[in-house]
């Protein structure tokens, strides 16, 4: 699994012009699932994300975790994180999981994140989404489960 995390002041996702997920301060998480991923991959990322110290302490240093500040999460599925652009002009998505596995692990990831008692909002799997955000920092990180 691969995530792109953006620390945000606010973020929202719309499907068909309707807001389906919206958060205040927290993390916007773009989640990609690869063919070889499993629940262990998701468990690793949930632990890493919730304990990641990317929020500022009173001295202005990134030293506080999402759990410590009660951050909110907006999770958006994004298979294009596994787009390979090495050859030609069109990305290859051979590494991305098939839709059934992708959706299963996306839902598992979201449920594990909700189990931490945090506020979790979501996009809609396999839908065209409009995502907007106010990036805080900006802080953007990429994390792979392997």
Protein backbone atom coordinates (compact mmCIF):
# COMPACT_ATOMS: atom_id res chain seq x y z
CA UNK A 1 0.00 0.00 0.00
CA UNK A 2 1.08 3.53 -0.64
CA UNK A 3 -0.24 6.71 0.90
CA UNK A 4 0.30 10.35 0.15
CA UNK A 5 -0.50 12.30 3.29
CA UNK A 6 -1.13 16.01 3.35
CA UNK A 7 -1.40 17.86 6.63
CA UNK A 8 -4.42 20.09 6.16
CA UNK A 9 -6.29 22.91 7.86
CA UNK A 10 -9.40 21.62 6.05
CA UNK A 11 -10.29 19.30 3.19
CA UNK A 12 -13.33 17.97 1.41
CA UNK A 13 -14.26 15.55 -1.34
CA UNK A 14 -17.26 15.82 -3.64
CA UNK A 15 -18.89 13.24 -5.90
CA UNK A 16 -21.30 14.58 -8.50
CA UNK A 17 -21.15 18.03 -6.92
CA UNK A 18 -22.22 16.72 -3.48
CA UNK A 19 -19.89 16.77 -0.47
CA UNK A 20 -19.37 13.17 0.68
CA UNK A 21 -16.54 13.80 3.15
CA UNK A 22 -15.19 16.85 4.92
CA UNK A 23 -12.71 17.49 7.74
CA UNK A 24 -11.14 20.33 9.68
CA UNK A 25 -7.52 20.09 10.94
CA UNK A 26 -5.96 16.73 10.22
CA UNK A 27 -4.72 14.61 7.36
CA UNK A 28 -5.91 14.09 3.82
CA UNK A 29 -4.83 10.55 2.95
CA UNK A 30 -4.66 9.39 -0.66
CA UNK A 31 -4.53 5.57 -0.51
CA UNK A 32 -3.31 3.26 -3.26
CA UNK A 33 -3.48 -0.53 -3.05
CA UNK A 34 -1.02 -2.81 -4.86
CA UNK A 35 -1.60 -6.38 -6.04
CA UNK A 36 0.47 -7.96 -3.26
CA UNK A 37 -1.06 -5.94 -0.41
CA UNK A 38 -3.01 -7.48 2.45
CA UNK A 39 -4.46 -6.55 5.83
CA UNK A 40 -0.98 -6.48 7.37
CA UNK A 41 -0.08 -3.70 4.94
CA UNK A 42 -3.09 -1.68 6.08
CA UNK A 43 -2.40 -2.32 9.78
CA UNK A 44 1.17 -1.06 9.36
CA UNK A 45 0.02 2.15 7.68
CA UNK A 46 -2.72 2.88 10.21
CA UNK A 47 -0.23 2.58 13.07
CA UNK A 48 2.36 4.67 11.24
CA UNK A 49 -0.10 7.41 10.28
CA UNK A 50 -1.74 7.78 13.68
CA UNK A 51 1.60 7.93 15.49
CA UNK A 52 3.42 10.09 12.92
CA UNK A 53 4.59 13.30 14.59
CA UNK A 54 3.85 15.89 11.89
CA UNK A 55 1.89 18.46 13.89
CA UNK A 56 3.62 21.36 15.60
CA UNK A 57 4.24 21.61 19.32
CA UNK A 58 4.32 24.90 21.25
CA UNK A 59 7.84 25.57 19.97
CA UNK A 60 6.75 25.21 16.34
CA UNK A 61 8.51 21.85 15.81
CA UNK A 62 6.81 18.86 14.19
CA UNK A 63 6.70 16.83 17.37
CA UNK A 64 3.01 15.99 17.95
CA UNK A 65 1.07 13.06 16.54
CA UNK A 66 -2.40 13.09 15.00
CA UNK A 67 -3.67 11.09 17.99
CA UNK A 68 -2.35 13.68 20.43
CA UNK A 69 -4.19 16.59 18.80
CA UNK A 70 -7.36 14.71 17.88
CA UNK A 71 -6.74 15.16 14.17
CA UNK A 72 -9.41 14.21 11.66
CA UNK A 73 -8.78 12.05 8.59
CA UNK A 74 -10.16 12.19 5.07
CA UNK A 75 -9.33 9.00 3.12
CA UNK A 76 -9.53 9.03 -0.68
CA UNK A 77 -8.84 5.95 -2.80
CA UNK A 78 -6.32 6.60 -5.57
CA UNK A 79 -5.13 3.67 -7.67
CA UNK A 80 -3.03 6.08 -9.76
CA UNK A 81 -0.46 6.07 -6.96
CA UNK A 82 0.69 2.84 -8.60
CA UNK A 83 0.98 4.35 -12.06
CA UNK A 84 4.34 3.52 -13.63
CA UNK A 85 5.52 6.21 -16.05
CA UNK A 86 8.91 4.68 -16.90
CA UNK A 87 8.00 3.68 -20.46
CA UNK A 88 6.06 5.53 -23.09
CA UNK A 89 3.68 8.40 -22.51
CA UNK A 90 0.79 6.62 -20.84
CA UNK A 91 1.11 5.26 -17.28
CA UNK A 92 0.90 1.53 -16.70
CA UNK A 93 -1.21 0.42 -13.75
CA UNK A 94 -0.04 -3.21 -13.68
CA UNK A 95 1.09 -2.89 -10.04
CA UNK A 96 -2.31 -1.66 -8.83
CA UNK A 97 -4.67 -4.12 -7.19
CA UNK A 98 -7.75 -5.24 -9.10
CA UNK A 99 -10.87 -3.32 -8.04
CA UNK A 100 -12.25 -6.09 -5.79
CA UNK A 101 -9.06 -6.37 -3.72
CA UNK A 102 -8.56 -2.61 -3.80
CA UNK A 103 -12.01 -1.94 -2.39
CA UNK A 104 -11.71 -4.69 0.22
CA UNK A 105 -8.41 -3.31 1.55
CA UNK A 106 -9.55 0.31 1.26
CA UNK A 107 -12.57 -0.49 3.44
CA UNK A 108 -10.41 -2.47 5.86
CA UNK A 109 -7.97 0.46 6.14
CA UNK A 110 -10.82 2.91 6.81
CA UNK A 111 -12.35 0.62 9.44
CA UNK A 112 -9.00 0.16 11.21
CA UNK A 113 -8.50 3.93 11.22
CA UNK A 114 -12.02 4.39 12.67
CA UNK A 115 -11.16 1.84 15.37
CA UNK A 116 -8.66 4.37 16.76
CA UNK A 117 -11.71 6.49 17.73
CA UNK A 118 -10.67 9.30 15.39
CA UNK A 119 -13.10 11.13 13.14
CA UNK A 120 -12.72 9.55 9.70
CA UNK A 121 -14.41 10.75 6.51
CA UNK A 122 -14.11 9.10 3.10
CA UNK A 123 -14.42 9.58 -0.59
CA UNK A 124 -16.23 6.95 -2.65
CA UNK A 125 -14.32 4.04 -4.11
CA UNK A 126 -14.16 3.95 -7.97
CA UNK A 127 -15.91 7.30 -8.35
CA UNK A 128 -14.69 10.49 -9.99
CA UNK A 129 -14.03 12.84 -7.08
CA UNK A 130 -13.27 16.51 -6.70
CA UNK A 131 -10.88 16.97 -3.80
CA UNK A 132 -10.12 20.37 -2.30
CA UNK A 133 -7.86 21.22 0.59
CA UNK A 134 -5.95 23.88 2.43
CA UNK A 135 -2.52 22.35 2.91
CA UNK A 136 -0.99 23.25 6.27
CA UNK A 137 2.69 24.03 5.92
CA UNK A 138 2.70 22.69 3.25
CA UNK A 139 3.43 19.25 4.66
CA UNK A 140 3.16 16.32 2.23
CA UNK A 141 4.61 12.85 2.85
CA UNK A 142 4.67 9.54 0.96
CA UNK A 143 4.68 6.28 2.90
CA UNK A 144 4.85 2.72 1.53
CA UNK A 145 3.86 -0.29 3.58
CA UNK A 146 6.73 -2.43 2.30
